[in-house]
């Protein structure tokens, strides 16, 4: 296996783990009626209720 393939495999695994962590964060904040702070493409920071996020 060459280094490019290893890098692509690792990138995929990192993305899957990150997606799971984000879903867990949203679910936990929903139970606490919490908020998440995100930024849009223009860099504006917004505080959004976790209940407004959809989890797959």
PDB file of N, CA and C in Angstrom:
ATOM      1  N   UNK A   1       0.852  -1.177   0.000  1.00  0.00           N
ATOM      2  CA  UNK A   1       0.000   0.000   0.000  1.00  0.00           C
ATOM      3  C   UNK A   1       0.895   1.237   0.000  1.00  0.00           C
ATOM      4  N   UNK A   2       0.631   2.138  -0.918  1.00  0.00           N
ATOM      5  CA  UNK A   2       1.467   3.335  -0.971  1.00  0.00           C
ATOM      6  C   UNK A   2       0.955   4.399  -0.004  1.00  0.00           C
ATOM      7  N   UNK A   3       1.744   5.436   0.146  1.00  0.00           N
ATOM      8  CA  UNK A   3       1.414   6.461   1.143  1.00  0.00           C
ATOM      9  C   UNK A   3       0.152   7.246   0.785  1.00  0.00           C
ATOM     10  N   UNK A   4      -0.151   7.393  -0.503  1.00  0.00           N
ATOM     11  CA  UNK A   4      -1.359   8.120  -0.899  1.00  0.00           C
ATOM     12  C   UNK A   4      -2.594   7.334  -0.472  1.00  0.00           C
ATOM     13  N   UNK A   5      -2.569   6.016  -0.674  1.00  0.00           N
ATOM     14  CA  UNK A   5      -3.696   5.184  -0.263  1.00  0.00           C
ATOM     15  C   UNK A   5      -3.861   5.208   1.248  1.00  0.00           C
ATOM     16  N   UNK A   6      -2.767   5.135   1.983  1.00  0.00           N
ATOM     17  CA  UNK A   6      -2.832   5.168   3.439  1.00  0.00           C
ATOM     18  C   UNK A   6      -3.433   6.485   3.916  1.00  0.00           C
ATOM     19  N   UNK A   7      -3.030   7.572   3.278  1.00  0.00           N
ATOM     20  CA  UNK A   7      -3.540   8.889   3.651  1.00  0.00           C
ATOM     21  C   UNK A   7      -5.037   8.986   3.378  1.00  0.00           C
ATOM     22  N   UNK A   8      -5.490   8.461   2.250  1.00  0.00           N
ATOM     23  CA  UNK A   8      -6.911   8.494   1.912  1.00  0.00           C
ATOM     24  C   UNK A   8      -7.717   7.637   2.879  1.00  0.00           C
ATOM     25  N   UNK A   9      -7.178   6.459   3.252  1.00  0.00           N
ATOM     26  CA  UNK A   9      -7.865   5.596   4.215  1.00  0.00           C
ATOM     27  C   UNK A   9      -7.983   6.291   5.562  1.00  0.00           C
ATOM     28  N   UNK A  10      -6.912   6.917   6.002  1.00  0.00           N
ATOM     29  CA  UNK A  10      -6.906   7.607   7.282  1.00  0.00           C
ATOM     30  C   UNK A  10      -7.854   8.801   7.253  1.00  0.00           C
ATOM     31  N   UNK A  11      -7.877   9.530   6.157  1.00  0.00           N
ATOM     32  CA  UNK A  11      -8.769  10.686   6.032  1.00  0.00           C
ATOM     33  C   UNK A  11     -10.225  10.255   6.157  1.00  0.00           C
ATOM     34  N   UNK A  12     -10.581   9.155   5.539  1.00  0.00           N
ATOM     35  CA  UNK A  12     -11.947   8.643   5.628  1.00  0.00           C
ATOM     36  C   UNK A  12     -12.318   8.257   7.041  1.00  0.00           C
ATOM     37  N   UNK A  13     -11.398   7.600   7.732  1.00  0.00           N
ATOM     38  CA  UNK A  13     -11.648   7.191   9.115  1.00  0.00           C
ATOM     39  C   UNK A  13     -11.789   8.403  10.030  1.00  0.00           C
ATOM     40  N   UNK A  14     -10.982   9.414   9.803  1.00  0.00           N
ATOM     41  CA  UNK A  14     -11.069  10.637  10.613  1.00  0.00           C
ATOM     42  C   UNK A  14     -12.407  11.324  10.374  1.00  0.00           C
ATOM     43  N   UNK A  15     -12.852  11.381   9.126  1.00  0.00           N
ATOM     44  CA  UNK A  15     -14.136  12.017   8.815  1.00  0.00           C
ATOM     45  C   UNK A  15     -15.285  11.281   9.493  1.00  0.00           C
ATOM     46  N   UNK A  16     -15.275   9.951   9.456  1.00  0.00           N
ATOM     47  CA  UNK A  16     -16.338   9.172  10.101  1.00  0.00           C
ATOM     48  C   UNK A  16     -16.352   9.442  11.603  1.00  0.00           C
ATOM     49  N   UNK A  17     -15.181   9.440  12.235  1.00  0.00           N
ATOM     50  CA  UNK A  17     -15.090   9.691  13.678  1.00  0.00           C
ATOM     51  C   UNK A  17     -15.550  11.102  14.023  1.00  0.00           C
ATOM     52  N   UNK A  18     -15.183  12.077  13.207  1.00  0.00           N
ATOM     53  CA  UNK A  18     -15.595  13.460  13.449  1.00  0.00           C
ATOM     54  C   UNK A  18     -17.107  13.613  13.309  1.00  0.00           C
ATOM     55  N   UNK A  19     -17.700  12.977  12.308  1.00  0.00           N
ATOM     56  CA  UNK A  19     -19.151  13.029  12.134  1.00  0.00           C
ATOM     57  C   UNK A  19     -19.873  12.441  13.344  1.00  0.00           C
ATOM     58  N   UNK A  20     -19.361  11.322  13.856  1.00  0.00           N
ATOM     59  CA  UNK A  20     -19.970  10.696  15.042  1.00  0.00           C
ATOM     60  C   UNK A  20     -19.857  11.619  16.256  1.00  0.00           C
ATOM     61  N   UNK A  21     -18.711  12.265  16.411  1.00  0.00           N
ATOM     62  CA  UNK A  21     -18.510  13.169  17.549  1.00  0.00           C
ATOM     63  C   UNK A  21     -19.449  14.371  17.470  1.00  0.00           C
ATOM     64  N   UNK A  22     -19.646  14.905  16.288  1.00  0.00           N
ATOM     65  CA  UNK A  22     -20.551  16.049  16.113  1.00  0.00           C
ATOM     66  C   UNK A  22     -21.987  15.638  16.420  1.00  0.00           C
ATOM     67  N   UNK A  23     -22.393  14.462  15.939  1.00  0.00           N
ATOM     68  CA  UNK A  23     -23.745  13.978  16.227  1.00  0.00           C
ATOM     69  C   UNK A  23     -23.949  13.788  17.726  1.00  0.00           C
ATOM     70  N   UNK A  24     -22.935  13.262  18.413  1.00  0.00           N
ATOM     71  CA  UNK A  24     -23.018  13.061  19.855  1.00  0.00           C
ATOM     72  C   UNK A  24     -23.129  14.400  20.584  1.00  0.00           C
ATOM     73  N   UNK A  25     -22.345  15.377  20.149  1.00  0.00           N
ATOM     74  CA  UNK A  25     -22.388  16.717  20.746  1.00  0.00           C
ATOM     75  C   UNK A  25     -23.771  17.333  20.603  1.00  0.00           C
ATOM     76  N   UNK A  26     -24.342  17.243  19.417  1.00  0.00           N
ATOM     77  CA  UNK A  26     -25.676  17.801  19.175  1.00  0.00           C
ATOM     78  C   UNK A  26     -26.702  17.106  20.055  1.00  0.00           C
ATOM     79  N   UNK A  27     -26.649  15.776  20.133  1.00  0.00           N
ATOM     80  CA  UNK A  27     -27.605  15.021  20.945  1.00  0.00           C
ATOM     81  C   UNK A  27     -27.496  15.400  22.418  1.00  0.00           C
ATOM     82  N   UNK A  28     -26.271  15.543  22.914  1.00  0.00           N
ATOM     83  CA  UNK A  28     -26.082  15.913  24.322  1.00  0.00           C
ATOM     84  C   UNK A  28     -26.607  17.317  24.608  1.00  0.00           C
ATOM     85  N   UNK A  29     -26.357  18.241  23.701  1.00  0.00           N
ATOM     86  CA  UNK A  29     -26.828  19.617  23.903  1.00  0.00           C
ATOM     87  C   UNK A  29     -28.349  19.705  23.804  1.00  0.00           C
ATOM     88  N   UNK A  30     -28.954  18.860  22.973  1.00  0.00           N
ATOM     89  CA  UNK A  30     -30.416  18.840  22.882  1.00  0.00           C
ATOM     90  C   UNK A  30     -31.025  18.430  24.219  1.00  0.00           C
ATOM     91  N   UNK A  31     -30.414  17.460  24.893  1.00  0.00           N
ATOM     92  CA  UNK A  31     -30.971  17.002  26.169  1.00  0.00           C
ATOM     93  C   UNK A  31     -30.871  18.079  27.238  1.00  0.00           C
ATOM     94  N   UNK A  32     -29.928  18.987  27.103  1.00  0.00           N
ATOM     95  CA  UNK A  32     -29.741  20.074  28.071  1.00  0.00           C
ATOM     96  C   UNK A  32     -30.402  21.373  27.632  1.00  0.00           C
ATOM     97  N   UNK A  33     -31.119  21.327  26.518  1.00  0.00           N
ATOM     98  CA  UNK A  33     -31.678  22.542  25.910  1.00  0.00           C
ATOM     99  C   UNK A  33     -30.581  23.580  25.697  1.00  0.00           C
ATOM    100  N   UNK A  34     -29.445  23.099  25.221  1.00  0.00           N
ATOM    101  CA  UNK A  34     -28.291  23.961  25.035  1.00  0.00           C
ATOM    102  C   UNK A  34     -28.226  24.592  23.658  1.00  0.00           C
ATOM    103  N   UNK A  35     -27.146  25.286  23.445  1.00  0.00           N
ATOM    104  CA  UNK A  35     -26.895  25.988  22.178  1.00  0.00           C
ATOM    105  C   UNK A  35     -25.575  25.526  21.589  1.00  0.00           C
ATOM    106  N   UNK A  36     -25.441  25.697  20.280  1.00  0.00           N
ATOM    107  CA  UNK A  36     -24.175  25.470  19.593  1.00  0.00           C
ATOM    108  C   UNK A  36     -23.770  26.775  18.918  1.00  0.00           C
ATOM    109  N   UNK A  37     -22.501  27.063  18.952  1.00  0.00           N
ATOM    110  CA  UNK A  37     -21.987  28.272  18.328  1.00  0.00           C
ATOM    111  C   UNK A  37     -21.311  27.853  17.025  1.00  0.00           C
ATOM    112  N   UNK A  38     -21.788  28.403  15.917  1.00  0.00           N
ATOM    113  CA  UNK A  38     -21.266  28.076  14.595  1.00  0.00           C
ATOM    114  C   UNK A  38     -21.013  29.358  13.815  1.00  0.00           C
ATOM    115  N   UNK A  39     -20.257  29.225  12.733  1.00  0.00           N
ATOM    116  CA  UNK A  39     -20.060  30.382  11.865  1.00  0.00           C
ATOM    117  C   UNK A  39     -20.529  30.026  10.457  1.00  0.00           C
ATOM    118  N   UNK A  40     -21.005  31.038   9.749  1.00  0.00           N
ATOM    119  CA  UNK A  40     -21.434  30.805   8.379  1.00  0.00           C
ATOM    120  C   UNK A  40     -20.260  31.023   7.430  1.00  0.00           C
ATOM    121  N   UNK A  41     -20.517  30.933   6.150  1.00  0.00           N
ATOM    122  CA  UNK A  41     -19.442  31.051   5.149  1.00  0.00           C
ATOM    123  C   UNK A  41     -18.791  32.428   5.132  1.00  0.00           C
ATOM    124  N   UNK A  42     -19.512  33.424   5.628  1.00  0.00           N
ATOM    125  CA  UNK A  42     -18.959  34.778   5.670  1.00  0.00           C
ATOM    126  C   UNK A  42     -18.210  35.063   6.961  1.00  0.00           C
ATOM    127  N   UNK A  43     -18.161  34.056   7.859  1.00  0.00           N
ATOM    128  CA  UNK A  43     -17.424  34.211   9.105  1.00  0.00           C
ATOM    129  C   UNK A  43     -18.214  34.798  10.253  1.00  0.00           C
ATOM    130  N   UNK A  44     -19.498  35.006  10.050  1.00  0.00           N
ATOM    131  CA  UNK A  44     -20.336  35.528  11.129  1.00  0.00           C
ATOM    132  C   UNK A  44     -20.643  34.410  12.122  1.00  0.00           C
ATOM    133  N   UNK A  45     -20.451  34.679  13.384  1.00  0.00           N
ATOM    134  CA  UNK A  45     -20.677  33.698  14.441  1.00  0.00           C
ATOM    135  C   UNK A  45     -22.124  33.795  14.902  1.00  0.00           C
ATOM    136  N   UNK A  46     -22.755  32.622  15.054  1.00  0.00           N
ATOM    137  CA  UNK A  46     -24.150  32.587  15.469  1.00  0.00           C
ATOM    138  C   UNK A  46     -24.335  31.565  16.581  1.00  0.00           C
ATOM    139  N   UNK A  47     -25.201  31.872  17.522  1.00  0.00           N
ATOM    140  CA  UNK A  47     -25.561  30.963  18.604  1.00  0.00           C
ATOM    141  C   UNK A  47     -26.926  30.383  18.251  1.00  0.00           C
ATOM    142  N   UNK A  48     -26.964  29.066  18.024  1.00  0.00           N
ATOM    143  CA  UNK A  48     -28.181  28.417  17.550  1.00  0.00           C
ATOM    144  C   UNK A  48     -28.616  27.344  18.551  1.00  0.00           C
ATOM    145  N   UNK A  49     -29.900  27.280  18.890  1.00  0.00           N
ATOM    146  CA  UNK A  49     -30.369  26.233  19.796  1.00  0.00           C
ATOM    147  C   UNK A  49     -30.103  24.848  19.196  1.00  0.00           C
ATOM    148  N   UNK A  50     -29.640  23.927  20.024  1.00  0.00           N
ATOM    149  CA  UNK A  50     -29.322  22.581  19.546  1.00  0.00           C
ATOM    150  C   UNK A  50     -30.553  21.892  18.982  1.00  0.00           C
ATOM    151  N   UNK A  51     -31.721  22.234  19.484  1.00  0.00           N
ATOM    152  CA  UNK A  51     -32.953  21.597  19.002  1.00  0.00           C
ATOM    153  C   UNK A  51     -33.204  21.890  17.523  1.00  0.00           C
ATOM    154  N   UNK A  52     -32.589  22.937  16.979  1.00  0.00           N
ATOM    155  CA  UNK A  52     -32.761  23.301  15.577  1.00  0.00           C
ATOM    156  C   UNK A  52     -31.889  22.465  14.629  1.00  0.00           C
ATOM    157  N   UNK A  53     -30.941  21.698  15.181  1.00  0.00           N
ATOM    158  CA  UNK A  53     -30.066  20.868  14.366  1.00  0.00           C
ATOM    159  C   UNK A  53     -30.712  19.501  14.150  1.00  0.00           C
ATOM    160  N   UNK A  54     -30.507  18.932  12.981  1.00  0.00           N
ATOM    161  CA  UNK A  54     -31.009  17.592  12.680  1.00  0.00           C
ATOM    162  C   UNK A  54     -29.851  16.604  12.774  1.00  0.00           C
ATOM    163  N   UNK A  55     -30.089  15.495  13.455  1.00  0.00           N
ATOM    164  CA  UNK A  55     -29.079  14.441  13.558  1.00  0.00           C
ATOM    165  C   UNK A  55     -29.534  13.305  12.660  1.00  0.00           C
ATOM    166  N   UNK A  56     -28.615  12.766  11.917  1.00  0.00           N
ATOM    167  CA  UNK A  56     -28.951  11.681  10.977  1.00  0.00           C
ATOM    168  C   UNK A  56     -29.431  10.466  11.679  1.00  0.00           C
TER     169      UNK A  56
END
